[in-house]
N, C-alpha and C. Protein backbone atom coordinates (compact mmCIF):
# COMPACT_ATOMS: atom_id res chain seq x y z
N MET A 1 22.24 -24.70 4.07
CA MET A 1 22.74 -24.09 5.30
C MET A 1 21.54 -23.64 6.13
N ALA A 2 21.40 -24.18 7.28
CA ALA A 2 20.29 -23.85 8.18
C ALA A 2 20.68 -22.64 9.04
N VAL A 3 19.72 -21.76 9.18
CA VAL A 3 19.92 -20.57 10.00
C VAL A 3 19.25 -20.81 11.35
N THR A 4 19.99 -20.55 12.42
CA THR A 4 19.45 -20.70 13.76
C THR A 4 19.25 -19.32 14.36
N VAL A 5 18.02 -19.03 14.74
CA VAL A 5 17.71 -17.75 15.38
C VAL A 5 17.70 -17.98 16.88
N LYS A 6 18.52 -17.21 17.59
CA LYS A 6 18.62 -17.38 19.04
C LYS A 6 17.88 -16.30 19.82
N THR A 7 17.71 -15.14 19.19
CA THR A 7 17.06 -14.02 19.86
C THR A 7 16.12 -13.33 18.88
N ALA A 8 14.94 -12.96 19.36
CA ALA A 8 13.97 -12.23 18.55
C ALA A 8 13.55 -10.97 19.31
N SER A 9 13.25 -9.92 18.56
CA SER A 9 12.78 -8.69 19.21
C SER A 9 11.73 -8.03 18.33
N VAL A 10 10.84 -7.30 18.97
CA VAL A 10 9.85 -6.48 18.27
C VAL A 10 9.77 -5.13 18.96
N THR A 11 9.46 -4.12 18.18
CA THR A 11 9.21 -2.77 18.71
C THR A 11 7.91 -2.29 18.12
N TYR A 12 7.02 -1.84 18.99
CA TYR A 12 5.72 -1.33 18.55
C TYR A 12 5.52 0.01 19.23
N GLY A 13 5.05 0.99 18.49
CA GLY A 13 4.81 2.31 19.07
C GLY A 13 3.67 3.03 18.38
N ARG A 14 3.11 3.97 19.09
CA ARG A 14 2.03 4.81 18.57
C ARG A 14 2.30 6.25 18.98
N LYS A 15 1.91 7.18 18.12
CA LYS A 15 2.01 8.60 18.42
C LYS A 15 0.60 9.15 18.50
N PHE A 16 0.31 9.89 19.56
CA PHE A 16 -1.01 10.45 19.79
C PHE A 16 -0.94 11.97 19.75
N ASN A 17 -1.87 12.57 19.02
CA ASN A 17 -1.97 14.02 18.94
C ASN A 17 -2.72 14.51 20.17
N LEU A 18 -2.07 15.37 20.96
CA LEU A 18 -2.69 15.91 22.16
C LEU A 18 -3.27 17.30 21.94
N GLY A 19 -3.14 17.82 20.74
CA GLY A 19 -3.63 19.16 20.45
C GLY A 19 -2.61 20.21 20.85
N ASP A 20 -2.85 21.43 20.43
CA ASP A 20 -1.95 22.55 20.74
C ASP A 20 -0.49 22.22 20.42
N TYR A 21 -0.26 21.56 19.29
CA TYR A 21 1.08 21.22 18.81
C TYR A 21 1.82 20.28 19.76
N ASN A 22 1.11 19.51 20.55
CA ASN A 22 1.71 18.53 21.45
C ASN A 22 1.34 17.13 21.00
N SER A 23 2.26 16.22 21.24
CA SER A 23 1.98 14.82 20.95
C SER A 23 2.69 13.96 21.99
N ALA A 24 2.27 12.73 22.09
CA ALA A 24 2.90 11.77 22.98
C ALA A 24 3.18 10.50 22.19
N THR A 25 4.35 9.95 22.39
CA THR A 25 4.73 8.70 21.74
C THR A 25 4.90 7.64 22.81
N ILE A 26 4.26 6.51 22.59
CA ILE A 26 4.38 5.38 23.51
C ILE A 26 4.95 4.22 22.71
N ASP A 27 6.09 3.72 23.16
CA ASP A 27 6.77 2.61 22.48
C ASP A 27 7.01 1.47 23.46
N CYS A 28 7.10 0.27 22.91
CA CYS A 28 7.44 -0.90 23.70
C CYS A 28 8.34 -1.79 22.85
N THR A 29 9.48 -2.19 23.40
CA THR A 29 10.39 -3.12 22.74
C THR A 29 10.52 -4.36 23.62
N LEU A 30 10.32 -5.50 23.02
CA LEU A 30 10.42 -6.77 23.75
C LEU A 30 11.44 -7.67 23.07
N TRP A 31 12.19 -8.39 23.88
CA TRP A 31 13.19 -9.35 23.40
C TRP A 31 12.86 -10.72 23.97
N ALA A 32 13.19 -11.76 23.22
CA ALA A 32 13.01 -13.13 23.71
C ALA A 32 14.20 -13.97 23.25
N ASP A 33 14.73 -14.75 24.17
CA ASP A 33 15.74 -15.75 23.82
C ASP A 33 15.00 -17.03 23.43
N LEU A 34 15.35 -17.57 22.29
CA LEU A 34 14.65 -18.74 21.76
C LEU A 34 15.48 -20.00 21.91
N SER A 35 14.81 -21.09 22.20
CA SER A 35 15.48 -22.39 22.20
C SER A 35 15.45 -22.94 20.78
N GLU A 36 16.26 -23.93 20.52
CA GLU A 36 16.35 -24.49 19.17
C GLU A 36 15.04 -25.10 18.69
N ASP A 37 14.26 -25.65 19.61
CA ASP A 37 13.01 -26.31 19.21
C ASP A 37 11.80 -25.38 19.24
N GLN A 38 12.00 -24.11 19.56
CA GLN A 38 10.88 -23.17 19.65
C GLN A 38 10.50 -22.63 18.27
N ASP A 39 9.21 -22.50 18.02
CA ASP A 39 8.69 -22.00 16.75
C ASP A 39 8.86 -20.48 16.68
N LEU A 40 9.66 -20.02 15.73
CA LEU A 40 9.95 -18.59 15.59
C LEU A 40 8.70 -17.78 15.30
N ASP A 41 7.83 -18.27 14.40
CA ASP A 41 6.62 -17.53 14.05
C ASP A 41 5.69 -17.37 15.26
N ALA A 42 5.55 -18.41 16.04
CA ALA A 42 4.70 -18.34 17.24
C ALA A 42 5.30 -17.38 18.26
N ALA A 43 6.61 -17.41 18.42
CA ALA A 43 7.27 -16.51 19.37
C ALA A 43 7.10 -15.05 18.93
N MET A 44 7.27 -14.79 17.64
CA MET A 44 7.12 -13.42 17.13
C MET A 44 5.68 -12.94 17.29
N ALA A 45 4.71 -13.80 17.00
CA ALA A 45 3.30 -13.42 17.15
C ALA A 45 3.00 -13.08 18.61
N ALA A 46 3.55 -13.87 19.53
CA ALA A 46 3.33 -13.60 20.95
C ALA A 46 3.99 -12.28 21.37
N LEU A 47 5.19 -12.00 20.86
CA LEU A 47 5.87 -10.74 21.18
C LEU A 47 5.08 -9.55 20.65
N TRP A 48 4.59 -9.64 19.41
CA TRP A 48 3.79 -8.55 18.84
C TRP A 48 2.53 -8.30 19.67
N ALA A 49 1.86 -9.36 20.04
CA ALA A 49 0.63 -9.23 20.83
C ALA A 49 0.93 -8.58 22.17
N MET A 50 2.01 -8.99 22.83
CA MET A 50 2.37 -8.40 24.12
C MET A 50 2.75 -6.93 23.97
N ALA A 51 3.52 -6.60 22.94
CA ALA A 51 3.93 -5.20 22.74
C ALA A 51 2.72 -4.31 22.48
N LYS A 52 1.81 -4.76 21.60
CA LYS A 52 0.61 -3.98 21.30
C LYS A 52 -0.25 -3.78 22.55
N GLU A 53 -0.41 -4.84 23.33
CA GLU A 53 -1.23 -4.74 24.54
C GLU A 53 -0.60 -3.80 25.57
N ASN A 54 0.72 -3.82 25.69
CA ASN A 54 1.39 -2.91 26.62
C ASN A 54 1.24 -1.46 26.18
N VAL A 55 1.37 -1.19 24.90
CA VAL A 55 1.18 0.18 24.40
C VAL A 55 -0.27 0.61 24.61
N ARG A 56 -1.20 -0.28 24.32
CA ARG A 56 -2.62 0.03 24.52
C ARG A 56 -2.91 0.37 25.98
N ALA A 57 -2.38 -0.43 26.88
CA ALA A 57 -2.62 -0.21 28.31
C ALA A 57 -2.04 1.13 28.77
N GLN A 58 -0.89 1.48 28.25
CA GLN A 58 -0.28 2.76 28.62
C GLN A 58 -1.00 3.95 27.98
N ALA A 59 -1.61 3.72 26.82
CA ALA A 59 -2.29 4.80 26.10
C ALA A 59 -3.68 5.10 26.64
N LEU A 60 -4.33 4.13 27.25
CA LEU A 60 -5.71 4.33 27.72
C LEU A 60 -5.89 5.56 28.60
N PRO A 61 -5.08 5.77 29.65
CA PRO A 61 -5.27 6.97 30.47
C PRO A 61 -5.07 8.26 29.66
N LEU A 62 -4.12 8.24 28.74
CA LEU A 62 -3.86 9.41 27.90
C LEU A 62 -5.04 9.72 27.00
N VAL A 63 -5.58 8.70 26.36
CA VAL A 63 -6.72 8.88 25.46
C VAL A 63 -7.96 9.31 26.25
N ASN A 64 -8.20 8.68 27.39
CA ASN A 64 -9.35 9.05 28.21
C ASN A 64 -9.25 10.48 28.71
N LYS A 65 -8.05 10.91 29.09
CA LYS A 65 -7.84 12.29 29.54
C LYS A 65 -8.10 13.26 28.40
N SER A 66 -7.62 12.92 27.22
CA SER A 66 -7.83 13.78 26.05
C SER A 66 -9.32 13.91 25.73
N LYS A 67 -10.05 12.79 25.78
CA LYS A 67 -11.50 12.82 25.51
C LYS A 67 -12.22 13.66 26.56
N ALA A 68 -11.80 13.56 27.83
CA ALA A 68 -12.42 14.34 28.90
C ALA A 68 -12.19 15.82 28.70
N GLN A 69 -11.00 16.20 28.24
CA GLN A 69 -10.71 17.61 27.98
C GLN A 69 -11.56 18.15 26.85
N VAL A 70 -11.74 17.36 25.81
CA VAL A 70 -12.59 17.78 24.70
C VAL A 70 -14.02 17.95 25.18
N GLU A 71 -14.51 17.03 25.99
CA GLU A 71 -15.87 17.11 26.53
C GLU A 71 -16.03 18.39 27.36
N GLN A 72 -15.03 18.72 28.15
CA GLN A 72 -15.09 19.90 29.00
C GLN A 72 -15.17 21.18 28.14
N VAL A 73 -14.48 21.21 27.04
CA VAL A 73 -14.49 22.38 26.16
C VAL A 73 -15.88 22.61 25.59
N PHE A 74 -16.59 21.53 25.25
CA PHE A 74 -17.89 21.66 24.61
C PHE A 74 -19.05 21.84 25.60
N MET A 75 -18.80 21.72 26.89
CA MET A 75 -19.87 21.81 27.89
C MET A 75 -20.64 23.13 27.82
N GLY A 76 -19.97 24.24 27.55
CA GLY A 76 -20.63 25.54 27.57
C GLY A 76 -21.31 25.93 26.27
N LEU A 77 -21.19 25.11 25.24
CA LEU A 77 -21.79 25.45 23.95
C LEU A 77 -23.29 25.21 23.97
N PRO A 78 -24.03 25.96 23.17
CA PRO A 78 -25.45 25.66 23.00
C PRO A 78 -25.60 24.23 22.48
N LEU A 79 -26.72 23.59 22.81
CA LEU A 79 -26.93 22.18 22.52
C LEU A 79 -26.73 21.85 21.03
N LYS A 80 -27.25 22.68 20.13
CA LYS A 80 -27.11 22.42 18.69
C LYS A 80 -25.64 22.41 18.28
N LEU A 81 -24.88 23.42 18.72
CA LEU A 81 -23.46 23.47 18.37
C LEU A 81 -22.68 22.31 18.99
N ARG A 82 -23.06 21.96 20.20
CA ARG A 82 -22.39 20.85 20.88
C ARG A 82 -22.60 19.54 20.11
N ARG A 83 -23.83 19.29 19.66
CA ARG A 83 -24.11 18.06 18.89
C ARG A 83 -23.33 18.06 17.58
N ASP A 84 -23.30 19.21 16.91
CA ASP A 84 -22.55 19.30 15.65
C ASP A 84 -21.07 19.03 15.88
N ALA A 85 -20.53 19.58 16.95
CA ALA A 85 -19.11 19.38 17.25
C ALA A 85 -18.82 17.93 17.61
N GLU A 86 -19.69 17.32 18.39
CA GLU A 86 -19.49 15.92 18.78
C GLU A 86 -19.56 15.00 17.57
N GLU A 87 -20.43 15.30 16.62
CA GLU A 87 -20.54 14.48 15.41
C GLU A 87 -19.29 14.58 14.54
N SER A 88 -18.60 15.71 14.62
CA SER A 88 -17.42 15.91 13.77
C SER A 88 -16.16 15.32 14.39
N LEU A 89 -16.22 14.93 15.66
CA LEU A 89 -15.04 14.35 16.32
C LEU A 89 -14.79 12.95 15.81
N VAL A 90 -13.53 12.60 15.68
CA VAL A 90 -13.15 11.24 15.32
C VAL A 90 -12.68 10.57 16.59
N ASP A 91 -13.25 9.40 16.90
CA ASP A 91 -12.82 8.67 18.09
C ASP A 91 -11.39 8.20 17.93
N TYR A 92 -10.65 8.26 19.02
CA TYR A 92 -9.31 7.70 19.02
C TYR A 92 -9.42 6.19 18.92
N ASP A 93 -8.65 5.62 18.04
CA ASP A 93 -8.60 4.18 17.91
C ASP A 93 -7.18 3.77 18.29
N ILE A 94 -7.02 3.20 19.48
CA ILE A 94 -5.67 2.93 19.97
C ILE A 94 -5.10 1.65 19.37
N TYR A 95 -5.86 0.97 18.55
CA TYR A 95 -5.32 -0.19 17.84
C TYR A 95 -4.94 0.24 16.45
N ASP A 96 -3.82 -0.23 15.99
CA ASP A 96 -3.36 0.08 14.65
C ASP A 96 -3.85 -1.04 13.73
N HIS A 97 -5.07 -0.87 13.19
CA HIS A 97 -5.67 -1.93 12.38
C HIS A 97 -4.94 -2.12 11.06
N ASP A 98 -4.27 -1.07 10.56
CA ASP A 98 -3.54 -1.20 9.29
C ASP A 98 -2.34 -2.14 9.42
N ALA A 99 -1.76 -2.20 10.63
CA ALA A 99 -0.56 -3.01 10.81
C ALA A 99 -0.90 -4.48 11.07
N GLU A 100 -2.16 -4.79 11.30
CA GLU A 100 -2.53 -6.17 11.63
C GLU A 100 -2.74 -7.01 10.39
């Protein structure tokens, strides 16, 4: 018995810690209608890539704003403390490498 898939969908999302008990969630859901001769694996790979790129594009301003706020907080610190604080920061990685 052959199974025919007519529609495929993917949902990709990320949650970002904004500090002070705040967070932001960015999600993207994409749907595609498939023809009988279309490769399901290729269609799904394309949907995943598009969803990830859309979430990344929406997250960039948020991540950049968050980094700018952190930088502003450290501006008044003595140079030694500022360097120590900057070394302890973890860069935001807007790609989910574990899911790839």
